[in-house]
């Protein structure tokens, strides 16, 4: 066997620098891709576990149920208004009723035969 002397043994600096650079680049790439392939265990555990969640329910105020007194007041008001009406006024206010009343008043001036026919027409229309 031949012994190597320190003069013959020489490090290739160019290859060493390239190897260190590739090793560092590989470590950086592996660290960046670690998140893509290996998920964070804490997030997986959180997704699997059922955590109790406090739900805040909205406060619903009960409506003020004082409608009956308002309705009673309105009904009394309407009764007072209707009680003051004259039935003759209400009956004659309709245009159809006014037409019938006019037709009946015109019958007085007609002869008996025409009055009878007109009366029959008016009565059939009602």
N, C-alpha and C. Protein backbone atom coordinates (compact mmCIF):
# COMPACT_ATOMS: atom_id res chain seq x y z
N UNK A 1 0.80 -1.17 0.00
CA UNK A 1 0.00 0.00 0.00
C UNK A 1 0.85 1.24 0.00
N UNK A 2 0.23 2.12 -0.65
CA UNK A 2 0.98 3.35 -0.81
C UNK A 2 0.41 4.39 0.14
N UNK A 3 1.19 5.07 0.85
CA UNK A 3 0.77 6.11 1.77
C UNK A 3 0.65 7.42 1.02
N UNK A 4 -0.46 8.09 1.35
CA UNK A 4 -0.63 9.37 0.69
C UNK A 4 0.03 10.45 1.54
N UNK A 5 0.60 11.29 0.90
CA UNK A 5 1.25 12.39 1.61
C UNK A 5 0.33 13.60 1.55
N UNK A 6 0.49 14.49 2.45
CA UNK A 6 -0.40 15.66 2.48
C UNK A 6 -0.31 16.47 1.19
N UNK A 7 0.72 16.35 0.47
CA UNK A 7 0.84 17.12 -0.75
C UNK A 7 -0.05 16.54 -1.84
N UNK A 8 -0.23 15.28 -1.87
CA UNK A 8 -1.01 14.64 -2.92
C UNK A 8 -2.52 14.74 -2.67
N UNK A 9 -2.91 14.82 -1.42
CA UNK A 9 -4.32 14.87 -1.09
C UNK A 9 -4.77 16.33 -1.15
N UNK A 10 -5.72 16.60 -2.08
CA UNK A 10 -6.16 17.97 -2.29
C UNK A 10 -7.69 18.01 -2.39
N UNK A 11 -8.29 18.89 -1.69
CA UNK A 11 -9.75 19.04 -1.73
C UNK A 11 -10.13 19.83 -2.97
N UNK A 12 -11.22 19.39 -3.61
CA UNK A 12 -11.72 20.11 -4.78
C UNK A 12 -12.74 21.13 -4.28
N UNK A 13 -12.32 22.35 -4.14
CA UNK A 13 -13.16 23.39 -3.54
C UNK A 13 -14.42 23.67 -4.37
N UNK A 14 -14.31 23.60 -5.64
CA UNK A 14 -15.45 23.87 -6.50
C UNK A 14 -16.56 22.87 -6.25
N UNK A 15 -16.23 21.60 -6.15
CA UNK A 15 -17.22 20.55 -5.91
C UNK A 15 -17.82 20.66 -4.50
N UNK A 16 -17.02 21.05 -3.55
CA UNK A 16 -17.49 21.19 -2.17
C UNK A 16 -18.51 22.34 -2.09
N UNK A 17 -18.23 23.44 -2.71
CA UNK A 17 -19.15 24.59 -2.70
C UNK A 17 -20.46 24.24 -3.42
N UNK A 18 -20.37 23.53 -4.52
CA UNK A 18 -21.57 23.11 -5.26
C UNK A 18 -22.40 22.16 -4.39
N UNK A 19 -21.77 21.25 -3.69
CA UNK A 19 -22.47 20.29 -2.83
C UNK A 19 -23.16 21.01 -1.67
N UNK A 20 -22.48 21.95 -1.05
CA UNK A 20 -23.07 22.71 0.06
C UNK A 20 -24.27 23.54 -0.44
N UNK A 21 -24.12 24.15 -1.60
CA UNK A 21 -25.20 24.94 -2.17
C UNK A 21 -26.42 24.07 -2.47
N UNK A 22 -26.19 22.90 -3.07
CA UNK A 22 -27.30 21.98 -3.37
C UNK A 22 -27.95 21.46 -2.09
N UNK A 23 -27.16 21.20 -1.08
CA UNK A 23 -27.70 20.72 0.19
C UNK A 23 -28.58 21.79 0.84
N UNK A 24 -28.11 23.03 0.85
CA UNK A 24 -28.89 24.13 1.43
C UNK A 24 -30.17 24.35 0.62
N UNK A 25 -30.05 24.33 -0.71
CA UNK A 25 -31.23 24.51 -1.56
C UNK A 25 -32.23 23.37 -1.34
N UNK A 26 -31.74 22.16 -1.20
CA UNK A 26 -32.61 21.02 -0.95
C UNK A 26 -33.33 21.14 0.38
N UNK A 27 -32.61 21.62 1.41
CA UNK A 27 -33.25 21.81 2.72
C UNK A 27 -34.33 22.89 2.67
N UNK A 28 -34.07 23.95 1.94
CA UNK A 28 -35.06 25.03 1.82
C UNK A 28 -36.30 24.53 1.08
N UNK A 29 -36.11 23.82 -0.01
CA UNK A 29 -37.24 23.27 -0.77
C UNK A 29 -38.02 22.27 0.08
N UNK A 30 -37.33 21.42 0.82
CA UNK A 30 -38.00 20.43 1.66
C UNK A 30 -38.81 21.12 2.76
N UNK A 31 -38.26 22.18 3.35
CA UNK A 31 -38.98 22.91 4.39
C UNK A 31 -40.24 23.57 3.84
N UNK A 32 -40.15 24.15 2.64
CA UNK A 32 -41.30 24.80 2.02
C UNK A 32 -42.38 23.78 1.62
N UNK A 33 -41.98 22.65 1.11
CA UNK A 33 -42.94 21.64 0.66
C UNK A 33 -43.50 20.82 1.81
N UNK A 34 -42.89 20.91 2.97
CA UNK A 34 -43.36 20.15 4.13
C UNK A 34 -44.80 20.51 4.45
N UNK A 35 -45.14 21.77 4.36
CA UNK A 35 -46.51 22.22 4.64
C UNK A 35 -47.50 21.68 3.63
N UNK A 36 -47.07 21.43 2.41
CA UNK A 36 -47.98 20.93 1.38
C UNK A 36 -48.29 19.45 1.57
N UNK A 37 -47.29 18.67 1.87
CA UNK A 37 -47.48 17.22 1.96
C UNK A 37 -47.84 16.76 3.36
N UNK A 38 -47.31 17.39 4.36
CA UNK A 38 -47.58 17.00 5.75
C UNK A 38 -48.38 18.13 6.38
N UNK A 39 -49.63 17.86 6.66
CA UNK A 39 -50.48 18.88 7.26
C UNK A 39 -50.10 19.07 8.72
N UNK A 40 -50.42 20.24 9.21
CA UNK A 40 -50.15 20.56 10.60
C UNK A 40 -51.03 19.67 11.49
N UNK A 41 -50.42 18.96 12.41
CA UNK A 41 -51.15 18.02 13.24
C UNK A 41 -52.17 18.72 14.13
N UNK A 42 -51.88 19.92 14.54
CA UNK A 42 -52.81 20.65 15.40
C UNK A 42 -54.10 20.96 14.65
N UNK A 43 -54.00 21.32 13.37
CA UNK A 43 -55.21 21.64 12.61
C UNK A 43 -56.00 20.37 12.32
N UNK A 44 -55.32 19.23 12.14
CA UNK A 44 -56.04 17.97 11.93
C UNK A 44 -56.76 17.58 13.20
N UNK A 45 -56.11 17.72 14.32
CA UNK A 45 -56.73 17.36 15.60
C UNK A 45 -57.92 18.25 15.89
N UNK A 46 -57.82 19.52 15.55
CA UNK A 46 -58.94 20.43 15.78
C UNK A 46 -60.12 20.07 14.90
N UNK A 47 -59.84 19.61 13.71
CA UNK A 47 -60.94 19.27 12.80
C UNK A 47 -61.64 18.00 13.27
N UNK A 48 -60.91 17.11 13.90
CA UNK A 48 -61.51 15.83 14.31
C UNK A 48 -62.28 16.00 15.61
N UNK A 49 -61.74 16.74 16.56
CA UNK A 49 -62.37 16.90 17.86
C UNK A 49 -63.61 17.79 17.75
N UNK A 50 -64.62 17.44 18.49
CA UNK A 50 -65.81 18.28 18.57
C UNK A 50 -65.65 19.23 19.74
N UNK A 51 -65.54 20.48 19.42
CA UNK A 51 -65.39 21.47 20.47
C UNK A 51 -66.76 22.03 20.80
N UNK A 52 -67.05 22.18 22.08
CA UNK A 52 -68.32 22.81 22.43
C UNK A 52 -68.26 24.29 22.08
N UNK A 53 -69.26 24.74 21.36
CA UNK A 53 -69.30 26.12 20.93
C UNK A 53 -70.46 26.81 21.64
N UNK A 54 -70.18 27.94 22.22
CA UNK A 54 -71.22 28.67 22.91
C UNK A 54 -71.98 29.51 21.89
N UNK A 55 -73.27 29.24 21.78
CA UNK A 55 -74.11 29.95 20.82
C UNK A 55 -74.88 31.03 21.56
N UNK A 56 -74.75 32.24 21.09
CA UNK A 56 -75.46 33.34 21.70
C UNK A 56 -76.81 33.46 21.01
N UNK A 57 -77.85 33.22 21.77
CA UNK A 57 -79.20 33.29 21.22
C UNK A 57 -79.70 34.73 21.28
N UNK A 58 -80.40 35.15 20.22
CA UNK A 58 -80.90 36.52 20.23
C UNK A 58 -82.03 36.68 21.24
N UNK A 59 -82.08 37.84 21.82
CA UNK A 59 -83.14 38.12 22.79
C UNK A 59 -84.38 38.57 22.03
N UNK A 60 -85.48 37.90 22.28
CA UNK A 60 -86.73 38.24 21.62
C UNK A 60 -87.65 38.86 22.65
N UNK A 61 -88.03 40.07 22.38
CA UNK A 61 -88.93 40.76 23.29
C UNK A 61 -90.36 40.39 22.93
N UNK A 62 -91.15 40.11 23.94
CA UNK A 62 -92.54 39.76 23.67
C UNK A 62 -93.29 41.01 23.24
N UNK A 63 -94.17 40.87 22.25
CA UNK A 63 -94.89 42.04 21.76
C UNK A 63 -95.88 42.55 22.80
N UNK A 64 -96.14 43.81 22.73
CA UNK A 64 -97.08 44.42 23.65
C UNK A 64 -98.49 44.07 23.18
N UNK A 65 -99.16 43.22 23.94
CA UNK A 65 -100.48 42.74 23.54
C UNK A 65 -101.53 43.59 24.26
N UNK A 66 -101.68 44.81 23.80
CA UNK A 66 -102.70 45.71 24.31
C UNK A 66 -103.62 46.08 23.16
N UNK A 67 -103.79 45.14 22.25
CA UNK A 67 -104.57 45.38 21.04
C UNK A 67 -106.06 45.40 21.35
N UNK A 68 -106.48 44.57 22.29
CA UNK A 68 -107.92 44.47 22.56
C UNK A 68 -108.51 45.80 23.00
N UNK A 69 -107.79 46.56 23.80
CA UNK A 69 -108.32 47.86 24.24
C UNK A 69 -108.40 48.83 23.07
N UNK A 70 -107.43 48.78 22.16
CA UNK A 70 -107.44 49.65 20.99
C UNK A 70 -108.59 49.27 20.05
N UNK A 71 -108.80 47.96 19.88
CA UNK A 71 -109.87 47.50 19.00
C UNK A 71 -111.22 47.87 19.60
N UNK A 72 -111.37 47.70 20.91
CA UNK A 72 -112.62 48.06 21.57
C UNK A 72 -112.91 49.56 21.40
N UNK A 73 -111.89 50.37 21.51
CA UNK A 73 -112.07 51.82 21.35
C UNK A 73 -112.51 52.15 19.93
N UNK A 74 -111.92 51.49 18.94
CA UNK A 74 -112.30 51.72 17.54
C UNK A 74 -113.74 51.29 17.30
N UNK A 75 -114.13 50.14 17.84
CA UNK A 75 -115.50 49.63 17.66
C UNK A 75 -116.50 50.62 18.26
N UNK A 76 -116.22 51.13 19.44
CA UNK A 76 -117.11 52.10 20.08
C UNK A 76 -117.22 53.37 19.25
N UNK A 77 -116.10 53.81 18.69
CA UNK A 77 -116.09 55.00 17.84
C UNK A 77 -116.96 54.79 16.61
N UNK A 78 -116.83 53.63 15.98
CA UNK A 78 -117.63 53.32 14.79
C UNK A 78 -119.12 53.22 15.15
N UNK A 79 -119.43 52.62 16.29
CA UNK A 79 -120.83 52.53 16.73
C UNK A 79 -121.43 53.92 16.92
N UNK A 80 -120.66 54.82 17.50
CA UNK A 80 -121.16 56.19 17.71
C UNK A 80 -121.42 56.88 16.37
N UNK A 81 -120.52 56.68 15.41
CA UNK A 81 -120.69 57.31 14.10
C UNK A 81 -121.88 56.72 13.36
N UNK A 82 -122.05 55.42 13.41
CA UNK A 82 -123.13 54.76 12.70
C UNK A 82 -124.47 55.07 13.37
N UNK A 83 -124.46 55.17 14.67
CA UNK A 83 -125.69 55.48 15.39
C UNK A 83 -126.26 56.84 15.03
N UNK A 84 -125.45 57.75 14.61
CA UNK A 84 -125.90 59.10 14.26
C UNK A 84 -126.39 59.22 12.83
N UNK A 85 -126.31 58.14 12.04
CA UNK A 85 -126.73 58.22 10.64
C UNK A 85 -128.24 58.07 10.51
N UNK A 86 -128.79 58.77 9.55
CA UNK A 86 -130.21 58.67 9.24
C UNK A 86 -130.39 57.56 8.19
N UNK A 87 -131.23 56.54 8.44
CA UNK A 87 -131.41 55.45 7.47
C UNK A 87 -131.90 55.93 6.11
N UNK A 88 -132.69 56.98 6.07
CA UNK A 88 -133.18 57.49 4.79
C UNK A 88 -132.02 58.07 3.98
N UNK A 89 -131.10 58.74 4.67
CA UNK A 89 -129.92 59.28 3.98
C UNK A 89 -129.06 58.18 3.39
N UNK A 90 -128.85 57.13 4.16
CA UNK A 90 -128.02 56.03 3.70
C UNK A 90 -128.68 55.34 2.51
N UNK A 91 -129.99 55.15 2.56
CA UNK A 91 -130.70 54.46 1.49
C UNK A 91 -130.70 55.26 0.21
N UNK A 92 -130.80 56.56 0.30
CA UNK A 92 -130.88 57.38 -0.91
C UNK A 92 -129.52 57.82 -1.43
N UNK A 93 -128.47 57.50 -0.75
CA UNK A 93 -127.16 57.97 -1.19
C UNK A 93 -126.61 57.15 -2.36
N UNK A 94 -127.11 55.95 -2.57
CA UNK A 94 -126.62 55.11 -3.66
C UNK A 94 -127.16 55.62 -5.00
N UNK A 95 -126.34 55.68 -6.05
CA UNK A 95 -126.81 56.14 -7.36
C UNK A 95 -127.90 55.24 -7.95
N UNK A 96 -127.81 53.93 -7.71
CA UNK A 96 -128.82 53.03 -8.25
C UNK A 96 -130.18 53.29 -7.58
N UNK A 97 -130.18 53.50 -6.28
CA UNK A 97 -131.42 53.76 -5.56
C UNK A 97 -132.00 55.11 -5.99
N UNK A 98 -131.14 56.10 -6.21
CA UNK A 98 -131.61 57.40 -6.67
C UNK A 98 -132.29 57.29 -8.03
N UNK A 99 -131.76 56.45 -8.92
CA UNK A 99 -132.37 56.25 -10.24
C UNK A 99 -133.74 55.61 -10.09
N UNK A 100 -133.88 54.61 -9.22
CA UNK A 100 -135.17 53.95 -9.01
C UNK A 100 -136.18 54.95 -8.45
N UNK A 101 -135.76 55.79 -7.51
CA UNK A 101 -136.67 56.78 -6.93
C UNK A 101 -137.13 57.79 -7.98
N UNK A 102 -136.23 58.23 -8.85
CA UNK A 102 -136.60 59.15 -9.93
C UNK A 102 -137.61 58.51 -10.87
N UNK A 103 -137.36 57.22 -11.21
CA UNK A 103 -138.27 56.52 -12.11
C UNK A 103 -139.66 56.39 -11.49
N UNK A 104 -139.74 56.13 -10.19
CA UNK A 104 -141.03 56.00 -9.51
C UNK A 104 -141.77 57.35 -9.49
N UNK A 105 -141.03 58.45 -9.29
CA UNK A 105 -141.65 59.77 -9.29
C UNK A 105 -142.18 60.13 -10.68
N UNK A 106 -141.53 59.67 -11.72
CA UNK A 106 -141.99 59.96 -13.09
C UNK A 106 -143.25 59.16 -13.43
N UNK A 107 -143.49 58.07 -12.74
CA UNK A 107 -144.67 57.23 -13.02
C UNK A 107 -145.97 58.03 -12.75
N UNK A 108 -145.94 58.96 -11.80
CA UNK A 108 -147.13 59.74 -11.45
C UNK A 108 -147.69 60.50 -12.66
N UNK A 109 -146.79 60.95 -13.51
CA UNK A 109 -147.20 61.80 -14.62
C UNK A 109 -147.64 60.99 -15.84
N UNK A 110 -147.42 59.70 -15.82
CA UNK A 110 -147.75 58.87 -16.98
C UNK A 110 -149.21 58.40 -16.92
N UNK A 111 -149.76 58.05 -18.11
CA UNK A 111 -151.09 57.45 -18.11
C UNK A 111 -151.06 56.07 -17.45
N UNK A 112 -152.18 55.52 -17.11
CA UNK A 112 -152.29 54.29 -16.34
C UNK A 112 -151.62 53.12 -17.06
N UNK A 113 -151.82 52.96 -18.38
CA UNK A 113 -151.21 51.84 -19.12
C UNK A 113 -149.68 51.93 -19.10
N UNK A 114 -149.19 53.11 -19.41
CA UNK A 114 -147.72 53.27 -19.42
C UNK A 114 -147.16 53.18 -17.99
N UNK A 115 -147.86 53.63 -17.02
CA UNK A 115 -147.40 53.56 -15.63
C UNK A 115 -147.25 52.11 -15.20
N UNK A 116 -148.23 51.28 -15.62
CA UNK A 116 -148.18 49.87 -15.26
C UNK A 116 -146.96 49.20 -15.91
N UNK A 117 -146.71 49.49 -17.21
CA UNK A 117 -145.56 48.90 -17.91
C UNK A 117 -144.24 49.40 -17.30
N UNK A 118 -144.16 50.65 -16.99
CA UNK A 118 -142.95 51.21 -16.39
C UNK A 118 -142.71 50.61 -15.01
N UNK A 119 -143.78 50.43 -14.26
CA UNK A 119 -143.64 49.82 -12.94
C UNK A 119 -143.12 48.40 -13.07
N UNK A 120 -143.64 47.65 -14.04
CA UNK A 120 -143.16 46.29 -14.27
C UNK A 120 -141.67 46.28 -14.65
N UNK A 121 -141.21 47.22 -15.46
CA UNK A 121 -139.81 47.31 -15.86
C UNK A 121 -138.93 47.61 -14.64
N UNK A 122 -139.40 48.55 -13.82
CA UNK A 122 -138.62 48.93 -12.63
C UNK A 122 -138.51 47.73 -11.68
N UNK A 123 -139.62 47.06 -11.46
CA UNK A 123 -139.63 45.93 -10.53
C UNK A 123 -138.80 44.75 -11.06
N UNK A 124 -138.79 44.52 -12.36
CA UNK A 124 -137.98 43.43 -12.92
C UNK A 124 -136.49 43.75 -12.82
N UNK A 125 -136.14 45.00 -12.83
CA UNK A 125 -134.74 45.42 -12.73
C UNK A 125 -134.18 45.30 -11.33
N UNK A 126 -135.06 45.29 -10.37
CA UNK A 126 -134.61 45.19 -8.97
C UNK A 126 -134.37 43.75 -8.68
